[in-house]
Amino acid sequence: MTFRKVDLIFVVLALLIVGGVASLPSPRDRNPKVPANSAHQAITAESQCTTCHAPQAVRPLPAQHPKRQDCLHCHARAQG
């Protein structure tokens, strides 16, 4: 089996595309972290987030925020 020049170009381009996609930031990198204060450190289940972040609660989520219940999927806990 012999490689042609076009095969080598295809492999290089495929590796560049895969490498480029792998280097994109994940949602956890772009989103704000969960604060390191005592109220947030006491959270043991993601369902507790809605006590403060429900539409009529103390600090509601912005209107454009996705309606999800897996907060820690996108928001990493801050160290502290």
N, C-alpha and C. Protein backbone atom coordinates (compact mmCIF):
# COMPACT_ATOMS: atom_id res chain seq x y z
N MET A 1 0.84 -1.17 0.00
CA MET A 1 0.00 0.00 0.00
C MET A 1 0.89 1.24 0.00
N THR A 2 0.64 2.13 -0.91
CA THR A 2 1.42 3.35 -1.01
C THR A 2 0.54 4.55 -0.74
N PHE A 3 1.13 5.54 -0.09
CA PHE A 3 0.42 6.77 0.17
C PHE A 3 0.73 7.77 -0.92
N ARG A 4 -0.32 8.38 -1.40
CA ARG A 4 -0.14 9.45 -2.36
C ARG A 4 -0.08 10.78 -1.62
N LYS A 5 0.34 11.80 -2.32
CA LYS A 5 0.43 13.12 -1.71
C LYS A 5 -0.94 13.58 -1.21
N VAL A 6 -1.98 13.31 -1.93
CA VAL A 6 -3.33 13.72 -1.55
C VAL A 6 -3.77 13.00 -0.26
N ASP A 7 -3.33 11.75 -0.06
CA ASP A 7 -3.65 11.03 1.17
C ASP A 7 -2.99 11.69 2.37
N LEU A 8 -1.75 12.08 2.20
CA LEU A 8 -1.03 12.75 3.29
C LEU A 8 -1.68 14.09 3.62
N ILE A 9 -2.08 14.84 2.62
CA ILE A 9 -2.76 16.12 2.84
C ILE A 9 -4.07 15.89 3.59
N PHE A 10 -4.82 14.87 3.22
CA PHE A 10 -6.08 14.56 3.89
C PHE A 10 -5.85 14.23 5.37
N VAL A 11 -4.86 13.43 5.66
CA VAL A 11 -4.57 13.03 7.05
C VAL A 11 -4.16 14.26 7.86
N VAL A 12 -3.32 15.11 7.30
CA VAL A 12 -2.89 16.31 8.01
C VAL A 12 -4.08 17.24 8.28
N LEU A 13 -4.92 17.45 7.30
CA LEU A 13 -6.10 18.30 7.48
C LEU A 13 -7.05 17.71 8.52
N ALA A 14 -7.26 16.41 8.48
CA ALA A 14 -8.14 15.76 9.46
C ALA A 14 -7.59 15.93 10.87
N LEU A 15 -6.28 15.77 11.04
CA LEU A 15 -5.67 15.96 12.36
C LEU A 15 -5.77 17.41 12.83
N LEU A 16 -5.62 18.35 11.92
CA LEU A 16 -5.77 19.76 12.29
C LEU A 16 -7.20 20.07 12.72
N ILE A 17 -8.17 19.53 12.03
CA ILE A 17 -9.58 19.76 12.39
C ILE A 17 -9.89 19.14 13.75
N VAL A 18 -9.46 17.90 13.97
CA VAL A 18 -9.71 17.24 15.26
C VAL A 18 -9.00 18.00 16.37
N GLY A 19 -7.79 18.43 16.15
CA GLY A 19 -7.06 19.20 17.16
C GLY A 19 -7.71 20.54 17.44
N GLY A 20 -8.21 21.18 16.41
CA GLY A 20 -8.90 22.46 16.59
C GLY A 20 -10.17 22.33 17.40
N VAL A 21 -10.95 21.32 17.10
CA VAL A 21 -12.19 21.09 17.85
C VAL A 21 -11.88 20.72 19.30
N ALA A 22 -10.86 19.92 19.52
CA ALA A 22 -10.49 19.51 20.88
C ALA A 22 -9.99 20.68 21.71
N SER A 23 -9.46 21.70 21.08
CA SER A 23 -8.92 22.84 21.83
C SER A 23 -9.97 23.91 22.12
N LEU A 24 -11.20 23.75 21.62
CA LEU A 24 -12.25 24.72 21.92
C LEU A 24 -12.59 24.67 23.40
N PRO A 25 -12.92 25.82 24.00
CA PRO A 25 -13.24 25.82 25.43
C PRO A 25 -14.56 25.10 25.69
N SER A 26 -14.62 24.43 26.82
CA SER A 26 -15.85 23.75 27.21
C SER A 26 -16.76 24.75 27.90
N PRO A 27 -18.04 24.43 28.07
CA PRO A 27 -18.94 25.35 28.78
C PRO A 27 -18.44 25.70 30.19
N ARG A 28 -17.80 24.77 30.87
CA ARG A 28 -17.30 25.04 32.21
C ARG A 28 -16.21 26.10 32.20
N ASP A 29 -15.49 26.24 31.09
CA ASP A 29 -14.44 27.25 30.99
C ASP A 29 -15.01 28.65 30.78
N ARG A 30 -16.14 28.75 30.11
CA ARG A 30 -16.71 30.05 29.76
C ARG A 30 -17.69 30.58 30.80
N ASN A 31 -18.32 29.72 31.56
CA ASN A 31 -19.38 30.13 32.48
C ASN A 31 -18.83 30.52 33.84
N PRO A 32 -19.57 31.38 34.56
CA PRO A 32 -19.10 31.77 35.89
C PRO A 32 -19.05 30.57 36.84
N LYS A 33 -18.13 30.62 37.75
CA LYS A 33 -18.00 29.55 38.73
C LYS A 33 -19.01 29.74 39.85
N VAL A 34 -19.34 28.65 40.54
CA VAL A 34 -20.19 28.72 41.72
C VAL A 34 -19.38 29.43 42.80
N PRO A 35 -19.92 30.47 43.42
CA PRO A 35 -19.14 31.21 44.42
C PRO A 35 -18.68 30.31 45.57
N ALA A 36 -17.58 30.69 46.19
CA ALA A 36 -17.01 29.91 47.28
C ALA A 36 -17.52 30.37 48.64
N ASN A 37 -18.70 31.02 48.68
CA ASN A 37 -19.22 31.47 49.97
C ASN A 37 -19.95 30.33 50.69
N SER A 38 -20.31 30.56 51.94
CA SER A 38 -20.89 29.48 52.76
C SER A 38 -22.24 29.00 52.22
N ALA A 39 -23.04 29.90 51.68
CA ALA A 39 -24.35 29.50 51.15
C ALA A 39 -24.21 28.52 49.99
N HIS A 40 -23.26 28.78 49.12
CA HIS A 40 -23.08 27.90 47.96
C HIS A 40 -22.31 26.63 48.32
N GLN A 41 -21.43 26.69 49.28
CA GLN A 41 -20.69 25.49 49.67
C GLN A 41 -21.58 24.50 50.40
N ALA A 42 -22.69 24.97 50.96
CA ALA A 42 -23.63 24.09 51.66
C ALA A 42 -24.51 23.29 50.70
N ILE A 43 -24.50 23.64 49.43
CA ILE A 43 -25.32 22.95 48.43
C ILE A 43 -24.80 21.53 48.25
N THR A 44 -25.69 20.56 48.42
CA THR A 44 -25.31 19.16 48.23
C THR A 44 -25.98 18.54 47.01
N ALA A 45 -27.07 19.14 46.55
CA ALA A 45 -27.77 18.64 45.36
C ALA A 45 -28.11 19.82 44.46
N GLU A 46 -28.05 19.61 43.18
CA GLU A 46 -28.31 20.69 42.23
C GLU A 46 -29.74 21.20 42.32
N SER A 47 -30.66 20.39 42.82
CA SER A 47 -32.05 20.84 42.96
C SER A 47 -32.17 21.96 43.99
N GLN A 48 -31.19 22.10 44.88
CA GLN A 48 -31.20 23.17 45.87
C GLN A 48 -30.90 24.53 45.26
N CYS A 49 -30.34 24.56 44.08
CA CYS A 49 -30.01 25.83 43.42
C CYS A 49 -31.27 26.65 43.16
N THR A 50 -32.38 25.98 42.88
CA THR A 50 -33.60 26.71 42.54
C THR A 50 -34.23 27.41 43.74
N THR A 51 -33.77 27.14 44.94
CA THR A 51 -34.31 27.88 46.09
C THR A 51 -34.01 29.36 45.96
N CYS A 52 -32.85 29.70 45.48
CA CYS A 52 -32.48 31.11 45.30
C CYS A 52 -32.57 31.58 43.85
N HIS A 53 -32.48 30.66 42.91
CA HIS A 53 -32.40 31.04 41.50
C HIS A 53 -33.67 30.75 40.70
N ALA A 54 -34.79 30.56 41.38
CA ALA A 54 -36.09 30.39 40.71
C ALA A 54 -36.57 31.76 40.21
N PRO A 55 -37.55 31.79 39.29
CA PRO A 55 -38.00 33.08 38.73
C PRO A 55 -38.44 34.11 39.77
N GLN A 56 -39.10 33.71 40.86
CA GLN A 56 -39.57 34.67 41.86
C GLN A 56 -38.69 34.68 43.12
N ALA A 57 -37.52 34.10 43.06
CA ALA A 57 -36.66 33.97 44.24
C ALA A 57 -35.74 35.18 44.41
N VAL A 58 -34.81 35.06 45.34
CA VAL A 58 -33.90 36.15 45.69
C VAL A 58 -33.04 36.58 44.51
N ARG A 59 -32.47 35.64 43.80
CA ARG A 59 -31.58 35.96 42.67
C ARG A 59 -31.97 35.09 41.48
N PRO A 60 -33.01 35.50 40.73
CA PRO A 60 -33.47 34.68 39.60
C PRO A 60 -32.45 34.63 38.48
N LEU A 61 -32.53 33.57 37.71
CA LEU A 61 -31.65 33.42 36.54
C LEU A 61 -32.08 34.40 35.45
N PRO A 62 -31.16 34.83 34.61
CA PRO A 62 -31.54 35.71 33.50
C PRO A 62 -32.52 35.00 32.55
N ALA A 63 -33.29 35.77 31.83
CA ALA A 63 -34.31 35.21 30.93
C ALA A 63 -33.69 34.31 29.86
N GLN A 64 -32.48 34.63 29.40
CA GLN A 64 -31.85 33.84 28.34
C GLN A 64 -31.14 32.60 28.85
N HIS A 65 -31.15 32.37 30.17
CA HIS A 65 -30.48 31.19 30.74
C HIS A 65 -31.25 29.93 30.37
N PRO A 66 -30.56 28.86 29.96
CA PRO A 66 -31.26 27.60 29.63
C PRO A 66 -32.01 27.05 30.83
N LYS A 67 -33.16 26.46 30.57
CA LYS A 67 -33.97 25.85 31.64
C LYS A 67 -33.48 24.44 31.88
N ARG A 68 -32.44 24.31 32.70
CA ARG A 68 -31.84 23.01 33.00
C ARG A 68 -31.76 22.84 34.50
N GLN A 69 -31.62 21.59 34.92
CA GLN A 69 -31.51 21.29 36.35
C GLN A 69 -30.15 20.69 36.69
N ASP A 70 -29.22 20.70 35.77
CA ASP A 70 -27.88 20.17 36.04
C ASP A 70 -26.87 21.32 36.06
N CYS A 71 -26.99 22.15 37.08
CA CYS A 71 -26.20 23.39 37.19
C CYS A 71 -24.70 23.13 37.15
N LEU A 72 -24.25 22.10 37.85
CA LEU A 72 -22.81 21.86 37.95
C LEU A 72 -22.22 21.25 36.68
N HIS A 73 -23.05 20.99 35.71
CA HIS A 73 -22.55 20.55 34.41
C HIS A 73 -21.83 21.71 33.72
N CYS A 74 -22.37 22.91 33.87
CA CYS A 74 -21.79 24.10 33.23
C CYS A 74 -21.03 24.99 34.20
N HIS A 75 -21.42 24.99 35.46
CA HIS A 75 -20.81 25.88 36.45
C HIS A 75 -19.96 25.07 37.41
N ALA A 76 -18.66 25.26 37.32
CA ALA A 76 -17.73 24.53 38.20
C ALA A 76 -17.72 25.21 39.57
N ARG A 77 -17.45 24.42 40.60
CA ARG A 77 -17.32 24.99 41.95
C ARG A 77 -15.99 25.74 42.04
N ALA A 78 -16.04 26.92 42.66
CA ALA A 78 -14.83 27.70 42.89
C ALA A 78 -14.06 27.08 44.04
N GLN A 79 -12.76 27.16 43.98
CA GLN A 79 -11.93 26.65 45.06
C GLN A 79 -11.84 27.70 46.15
N GLY A 80 -11.94 27.25 47.39
CA GLY A 80 -11.81 28.24 48.45
C GLY A 80 -12.36 27.80 49.75
